[in-house]
N, C-alpha and C. Protein backbone atom coordinates (compact mmCIF):
# COMPACT_ATOMS: atom_id res chain seq x y z
N MET A 1 33.76 15.87 32.31
CA MET A 1 32.67 15.02 31.92
C MET A 1 32.08 15.55 30.62
N THR A 2 31.94 14.67 29.65
CA THR A 2 31.36 15.07 28.37
C THR A 2 29.91 14.64 28.32
N THR A 3 29.14 15.43 27.64
CA THR A 3 27.73 15.08 27.47
C THR A 3 27.51 14.62 26.05
N ALA A 4 26.65 13.65 25.91
CA ALA A 4 26.34 13.13 24.57
C ALA A 4 25.47 14.12 23.83
N ALA A 5 25.69 14.19 22.54
CA ALA A 5 24.85 15.04 21.71
C ALA A 5 23.45 14.47 21.66
N PRO A 6 22.45 15.30 21.56
CA PRO A 6 21.08 14.79 21.47
C PRO A 6 20.91 13.97 20.19
N ALA A 7 20.07 12.99 20.28
CA ALA A 7 19.80 12.13 19.11
C ALA A 7 19.12 12.96 18.04
N PRO A 8 19.50 12.74 16.76
CA PRO A 8 18.85 13.51 15.69
C PRO A 8 17.38 13.14 15.57
N VAL A 9 16.60 14.13 15.23
CA VAL A 9 15.16 13.93 15.03
C VAL A 9 14.95 13.50 13.58
N PRO A 10 14.19 12.43 13.34
CA PRO A 10 13.95 12.01 11.95
C PRO A 10 13.33 13.15 11.15
N ALA A 11 13.66 13.21 9.87
CA ALA A 11 13.16 14.27 8.99
C ALA A 11 11.64 14.29 8.93
N SER A 12 11.02 13.12 9.11
CA SER A 12 9.57 13.06 9.02
C SER A 12 8.89 13.46 10.31
N GLY A 13 9.67 13.91 11.30
CA GLY A 13 9.07 14.31 12.56
C GLY A 13 8.61 13.12 13.37
N GLY A 14 9.24 11.96 13.19
CA GLY A 14 8.86 10.78 13.94
C GLY A 14 7.64 10.07 13.40
N ARG A 15 7.26 10.38 12.19
CA ARG A 15 6.05 9.78 11.64
C ARG A 15 6.37 8.71 10.61
N ASP A 16 7.50 8.06 10.76
CA ASP A 16 7.83 6.95 9.86
C ASP A 16 6.89 5.79 10.15
N LEU A 17 6.45 5.14 9.11
CA LEU A 17 5.54 4.02 9.24
C LEU A 17 6.31 2.72 9.01
N PRO A 18 6.03 1.68 9.78
CA PRO A 18 6.75 0.41 9.60
C PRO A 18 6.30 -0.32 8.34
N HIS A 19 7.29 -0.83 7.61
CA HIS A 19 7.05 -1.61 6.40
C HIS A 19 7.90 -2.87 6.48
N PRO A 20 7.40 -3.98 5.97
CA PRO A 20 8.27 -5.16 5.94
C PRO A 20 9.37 -4.97 4.89
N ALA A 21 10.56 -5.46 5.21
CA ALA A 21 11.62 -5.49 4.22
C ALA A 21 11.19 -6.44 3.11
N THR A 22 11.75 -6.28 1.93
CA THR A 22 11.35 -7.12 0.80
C THR A 22 11.42 -8.60 1.15
N GLY A 23 12.50 -9.01 1.81
CA GLY A 23 12.67 -10.42 2.16
C GLY A 23 11.69 -10.93 3.19
N GLU A 24 10.99 -10.04 3.87
CA GLU A 24 10.02 -10.44 4.90
C GLU A 24 8.60 -10.56 4.36
N ILE A 25 8.37 -10.15 3.12
CA ILE A 25 7.02 -10.19 2.55
C ILE A 25 6.64 -11.63 2.30
N ARG A 26 5.46 -12.02 2.79
CA ARG A 26 4.98 -13.40 2.68
C ARG A 26 3.81 -13.48 1.70
N LEU A 27 3.81 -14.51 0.89
CA LEU A 27 2.77 -14.71 -0.10
C LEU A 27 1.38 -14.72 0.53
N GLU A 28 1.23 -15.44 1.63
CA GLU A 28 -0.10 -15.54 2.24
C GLU A 28 -0.59 -14.18 2.75
N SER A 29 0.31 -13.32 3.21
CA SER A 29 -0.09 -11.97 3.64
C SER A 29 -0.52 -11.12 2.46
N VAL A 30 0.21 -11.24 1.35
CA VAL A 30 -0.15 -10.49 0.14
C VAL A 30 -1.50 -10.95 -0.37
N LEU A 31 -1.72 -12.26 -0.44
CA LEU A 31 -3.00 -12.78 -0.93
C LEU A 31 -4.15 -12.37 -0.01
N HIS A 32 -3.90 -12.39 1.29
CA HIS A 32 -4.94 -11.95 2.23
C HIS A 32 -5.27 -10.47 2.00
N ALA A 33 -4.24 -9.65 1.84
CA ALA A 33 -4.46 -8.22 1.64
C ALA A 33 -5.24 -7.96 0.36
N LEU A 34 -4.97 -8.73 -0.68
CA LEU A 34 -5.64 -8.53 -1.97
C LEU A 34 -7.02 -9.17 -2.02
N SER A 35 -7.38 -9.94 -1.01
CA SER A 35 -8.66 -10.67 -1.05
C SER A 35 -9.87 -9.80 -0.72
N ASP A 36 -9.64 -8.63 -0.18
CA ASP A 36 -10.75 -7.74 0.18
C ASP A 36 -11.07 -6.80 -0.98
N PRO A 37 -12.34 -6.66 -1.34
CA PRO A 37 -12.70 -5.80 -2.48
C PRO A 37 -12.22 -4.34 -2.36
N MET A 38 -12.27 -3.76 -1.16
CA MET A 38 -11.82 -2.37 -1.00
C MET A 38 -10.31 -2.27 -1.17
N ARG A 39 -9.58 -3.22 -0.60
CA ARG A 39 -8.12 -3.19 -0.74
C ARG A 39 -7.71 -3.45 -2.19
N LEU A 40 -8.41 -4.35 -2.86
CA LEU A 40 -8.11 -4.60 -4.27
C LEU A 40 -8.41 -3.35 -5.09
N ARG A 41 -9.44 -2.64 -4.74
CA ARG A 41 -9.76 -1.38 -5.43
C ARG A 41 -8.63 -0.36 -5.25
N ILE A 42 -8.09 -0.26 -4.05
CA ILE A 42 -6.97 0.64 -3.79
C ILE A 42 -5.78 0.26 -4.67
N VAL A 43 -5.46 -1.03 -4.71
CA VAL A 43 -4.32 -1.51 -5.50
C VAL A 43 -4.54 -1.25 -6.98
N ARG A 44 -5.77 -1.48 -7.46
CA ARG A 44 -6.08 -1.22 -8.87
C ARG A 44 -5.90 0.26 -9.20
N GLU A 45 -6.35 1.14 -8.31
CA GLU A 45 -6.20 2.58 -8.55
C GLU A 45 -4.73 2.98 -8.55
N LEU A 46 -3.94 2.44 -7.63
CA LEU A 46 -2.52 2.75 -7.61
C LEU A 46 -1.82 2.24 -8.86
N ALA A 47 -2.18 1.04 -9.31
CA ALA A 47 -1.57 0.48 -10.51
C ALA A 47 -1.94 1.30 -11.74
N ALA A 48 -3.19 1.74 -11.82
CA ALA A 48 -3.64 2.54 -12.96
C ALA A 48 -2.95 3.91 -12.97
N GLU A 49 -2.75 4.48 -11.79
CA GLU A 49 -2.12 5.79 -11.69
C GLU A 49 -0.63 5.70 -12.00
N GLY A 50 0.00 4.62 -11.54
CA GLY A 50 1.43 4.45 -11.77
C GLY A 50 2.30 5.38 -10.94
N ASP A 51 1.71 6.04 -9.98
CA ASP A 51 2.43 6.97 -9.13
C ASP A 51 1.81 6.94 -7.74
N GLU A 52 2.37 7.71 -6.83
CA GLU A 52 1.80 7.79 -5.49
C GLU A 52 0.50 8.59 -5.49
N LEU A 53 -0.38 8.19 -4.61
CA LEU A 53 -1.63 8.92 -4.38
C LEU A 53 -1.79 9.13 -2.89
N SER A 54 -2.36 10.26 -2.51
CA SER A 54 -2.64 10.49 -1.09
C SER A 54 -3.90 9.73 -0.70
N CYS A 55 -4.02 9.44 0.57
CA CYS A 55 -5.19 8.71 1.06
C CYS A 55 -6.49 9.42 0.68
N SER A 56 -6.46 10.74 0.67
CA SER A 56 -7.67 11.50 0.39
C SER A 56 -8.12 11.40 -1.08
N GLN A 57 -7.26 10.88 -1.95
CA GLN A 57 -7.62 10.77 -3.36
C GLN A 57 -8.45 9.53 -3.68
N PHE A 58 -8.64 8.67 -2.69
CA PHE A 58 -9.42 7.46 -2.89
C PHE A 58 -10.83 7.72 -2.38
N GLY A 59 -11.81 7.54 -3.24
CA GLY A 59 -13.19 7.75 -2.85
C GLY A 59 -13.85 6.45 -2.43
N LEU A 60 -13.36 5.86 -1.36
CA LEU A 60 -13.91 4.57 -0.92
C LEU A 60 -15.22 4.78 -0.17
N PRO A 61 -16.19 3.91 -0.41
CA PRO A 61 -17.50 4.05 0.24
C PRO A 61 -17.53 3.43 1.64
N VAL A 62 -16.50 3.75 2.44
CA VAL A 62 -16.42 3.25 3.81
C VAL A 62 -15.98 4.40 4.70
N THR A 63 -16.07 4.19 6.01
CA THR A 63 -15.68 5.25 6.95
C THR A 63 -14.18 5.49 6.90
N LYS A 64 -13.76 6.63 7.44
CA LYS A 64 -12.34 6.97 7.47
C LYS A 64 -11.55 5.93 8.26
N SER A 65 -12.09 5.47 9.37
CA SER A 65 -11.37 4.47 10.17
C SER A 65 -11.22 3.15 9.42
N THR A 66 -12.23 2.78 8.65
CA THR A 66 -12.14 1.55 7.86
C THR A 66 -11.15 1.73 6.72
N THR A 67 -11.14 2.90 6.11
CA THR A 67 -10.15 3.19 5.07
C THR A 67 -8.74 3.08 5.64
N THR A 68 -8.52 3.66 6.82
CA THR A 68 -7.22 3.59 7.47
C THR A 68 -6.82 2.14 7.71
N HIS A 69 -7.76 1.33 8.14
CA HIS A 69 -7.50 -0.10 8.36
C HIS A 69 -7.05 -0.77 7.06
N HIS A 70 -7.75 -0.51 5.97
CA HIS A 70 -7.39 -1.14 4.69
C HIS A 70 -5.98 -0.75 4.25
N PHE A 71 -5.63 0.52 4.38
CA PHE A 71 -4.28 0.95 4.02
C PHE A 71 -3.24 0.28 4.91
N ARG A 72 -3.54 0.15 6.20
CA ARG A 72 -2.59 -0.49 7.12
C ARG A 72 -2.37 -1.95 6.76
N VAL A 73 -3.44 -2.68 6.42
CA VAL A 73 -3.30 -4.09 6.02
C VAL A 73 -2.42 -4.19 4.78
N LEU A 74 -2.65 -3.34 3.80
CA LEU A 74 -1.85 -3.36 2.58
C LEU A 74 -0.38 -3.03 2.87
N ARG A 75 -0.15 -2.05 3.74
CA ARG A 75 1.23 -1.68 4.09
C ARG A 75 1.92 -2.79 4.85
N GLU A 76 1.26 -3.35 5.84
CA GLU A 76 1.88 -4.39 6.66
C GLU A 76 2.13 -5.68 5.88
N ALA A 77 1.36 -5.90 4.81
CA ALA A 77 1.57 -7.07 3.95
C ALA A 77 2.69 -6.83 2.95
N GLY A 78 3.10 -5.59 2.78
CA GLY A 78 4.15 -5.27 1.82
C GLY A 78 3.64 -4.96 0.43
N VAL A 79 2.35 -4.73 0.29
CA VAL A 79 1.76 -4.44 -1.02
C VAL A 79 1.96 -2.97 -1.38
N ILE A 80 1.87 -2.08 -0.39
CA ILE A 80 2.07 -0.66 -0.64
C ILE A 80 3.13 -0.11 0.30
N ARG A 81 3.67 1.05 -0.08
CA ARG A 81 4.57 1.81 0.79
C ARG A 81 3.87 3.12 1.09
N GLN A 82 3.84 3.49 2.36
CA GLN A 82 3.23 4.75 2.77
C GLN A 82 4.31 5.65 3.37
N VAL A 83 4.32 6.90 2.92
CA VAL A 83 5.25 7.89 3.45
C VAL A 83 4.51 9.20 3.62
N TYR A 84 4.92 9.93 4.64
CA TYR A 84 4.35 11.26 4.84
C TYR A 84 5.12 12.25 3.99
N ARG A 85 4.39 13.09 3.28
CA ARG A 85 4.95 14.23 2.57
C ARG A 85 4.18 15.44 3.09
N GLY A 86 4.81 16.16 4.00
CA GLY A 86 4.09 17.22 4.69
C GLY A 86 3.01 16.59 5.56
N THR A 87 1.78 17.03 5.35
CA THR A 87 0.68 16.46 6.13
C THR A 87 -0.04 15.33 5.39
N ALA A 88 0.35 15.09 4.14
CA ALA A 88 -0.33 14.04 3.35
C ALA A 88 0.39 12.71 3.51
N LYS A 89 -0.39 11.67 3.66
CA LYS A 89 0.16 10.32 3.67
C LYS A 89 0.05 9.79 2.24
N MET A 90 1.20 9.58 1.61
CA MET A 90 1.25 9.15 0.22
C MET A 90 1.40 7.63 0.15
N ASN A 91 0.73 7.05 -0.84
CA ASN A 91 0.70 5.60 -1.01
C ASN A 91 1.24 5.24 -2.37
N GLY A 92 2.14 4.26 -2.39
CA GLY A 92 2.68 3.78 -3.65
C GLY A 92 2.71 2.26 -3.66
N LEU A 93 2.45 1.70 -4.79
CA LEU A 93 2.45 0.25 -4.97
C LEU A 93 3.89 -0.25 -4.96
N ARG A 94 4.16 -1.32 -4.23
CA ARG A 94 5.50 -1.92 -4.19
C ARG A 94 5.63 -2.96 -5.31
N LYS A 95 5.33 -2.55 -6.52
CA LYS A 95 5.29 -3.45 -7.67
C LYS A 95 6.62 -4.15 -7.91
N ASP A 96 7.71 -3.40 -7.87
CA ASP A 96 9.02 -4.01 -8.12
C ASP A 96 9.33 -5.10 -7.09
N ASP A 97 9.06 -4.82 -5.82
CA ASP A 97 9.30 -5.82 -4.78
C ASP A 97 8.44 -7.06 -4.99
N LEU A 98 7.17 -6.83 -5.28
CA LEU A 98 6.25 -7.96 -5.46
C LEU A 98 6.61 -8.76 -6.71
N ASP A 99 7.00 -8.07 -7.78
CA ASP A 99 7.39 -8.77 -9.01
C ASP A 99 8.66 -9.59 -8.81
N ASP A 100 9.60 -9.07 -8.02
CA ASP A 100 10.83 -9.82 -7.73
C ASP A 100 10.53 -11.09 -6.93
N LEU A 101 9.64 -10.96 -5.96
CA LEU A 101 9.33 -12.10 -5.08
C LEU A 101 8.37 -13.10 -5.72
N PHE A 102 7.36 -12.59 -6.39
CA PHE A 102 6.27 -13.41 -6.93
C PHE A 102 6.01 -13.00 -8.38
N PRO A 103 6.89 -13.39 -9.30
CA PRO A 103 6.76 -12.94 -10.70
C PRO A 103 5.38 -13.24 -11.28
N GLY A 104 4.76 -12.20 -11.82
CA GLY A 104 3.47 -12.35 -12.50
C GLY A 104 2.25 -12.31 -11.59
N LEU A 105 2.46 -12.42 -10.28
CA LEU A 105 1.31 -12.47 -9.36
C LEU A 105 0.47 -11.19 -9.43
N LEU A 106 1.10 -10.05 -9.25
CA LEU A 106 0.34 -8.81 -9.23
C LEU A 106 -0.31 -8.53 -10.57
N ASP A 107 0.43 -8.75 -11.66
CA ASP A 107 -0.15 -8.53 -12.98
C ASP A 107 -1.34 -9.46 -13.21
N GLY A 108 -1.22 -10.72 -12.79
CA GLY A 108 -2.31 -11.67 -12.94
C GLY A 108 -3.54 -11.29 -12.13
N VAL A 109 -3.32 -10.87 -10.89
CA VAL A 109 -4.44 -10.46 -10.03
C VAL A 109 -5.12 -9.22 -10.61
N LEU A 110 -4.33 -8.25 -11.06
CA LEU A 110 -4.91 -7.03 -11.63
C LEU A 110 -5.67 -7.31 -12.92
N ALA A 111 -5.14 -8.19 -13.76
CA ALA A 111 -5.84 -8.55 -15.00
C ALA A 111 -7.15 -9.28 -14.68
N ALA A 112 -7.11 -10.17 -13.72
CA ALA A 112 -8.33 -10.88 -13.32
C ALA A 112 -9.36 -9.92 -12.72
N ALA A 113 -8.90 -8.96 -11.93
CA ALA A 113 -9.81 -7.97 -11.35
C ALA A 113 -10.43 -7.10 -12.43
N ASP A 114 -9.65 -6.74 -13.45
CA ASP A 114 -10.19 -5.96 -14.57
C ASP A 114 -11.25 -6.76 -15.32
N ARG A 115 -10.97 -8.04 -15.58
CA ARG A 115 -11.96 -8.88 -16.28
C ARG A 115 -13.23 -9.02 -15.46
N GLN A 116 -13.09 -9.21 -14.16
CA GLN A 116 -14.25 -9.33 -13.29
C GLN A 116 -15.06 -8.03 -13.28
N ALA A 117 -14.38 -6.90 -13.21
CA ALA A 117 -15.08 -5.61 -13.21
C ALA A 117 -15.88 -5.43 -14.50
N LEU A 118 -15.31 -5.81 -15.61
CA LEU A 118 -16.05 -5.72 -16.90
C LEU A 118 -17.23 -6.66 -16.90
N ARG A 119 -17.02 -7.87 -16.43
CA ARG A 119 -18.09 -8.87 -16.41
C ARG A 119 -19.25 -8.44 -15.53
N LEU A 120 -18.93 -7.82 -14.38
CA LEU A 120 -19.96 -7.43 -13.43
C LEU A 120 -20.45 -5.99 -13.61
N GLY A 121 -19.84 -5.29 -14.57
CA GLY A 121 -20.24 -3.91 -14.80
C GLY A 121 -19.72 -2.94 -13.78
N ASP A 122 -18.63 -3.32 -13.08
CA ASP A 122 -18.04 -2.44 -12.07
C ASP A 122 -16.86 -1.66 -12.63
N GLY A 123 -16.61 -1.79 -13.93
CA GLY A 123 -15.43 -1.27 -14.59
C GLY A 123 -15.11 0.13 -14.31
């Protein structure tokens, strides 16, 4: 009788987060995710940085649980990708995926958000 080898343990220690495949990203989910001021702020910061940022690098004026909720909505909508690097949860904008699916949408939303921030003095 042979015994099966144990299943390999994922490199991330089982902390992989679910993300929609590019083809599963829906316009209405993306628009909903971007409609909240805190989530739009996160996206603007990621776009300005052009690289991944850890959750702790965002100084959002909300509780930790609310911050976690906002990141989850963005991830589940396909706007950001979250991966664990050690103990840090890193966040990156899925710009290429969004540009392929909805050309110009993200750039237009970010430009409009920048104009609004200047107009309202939130720049």
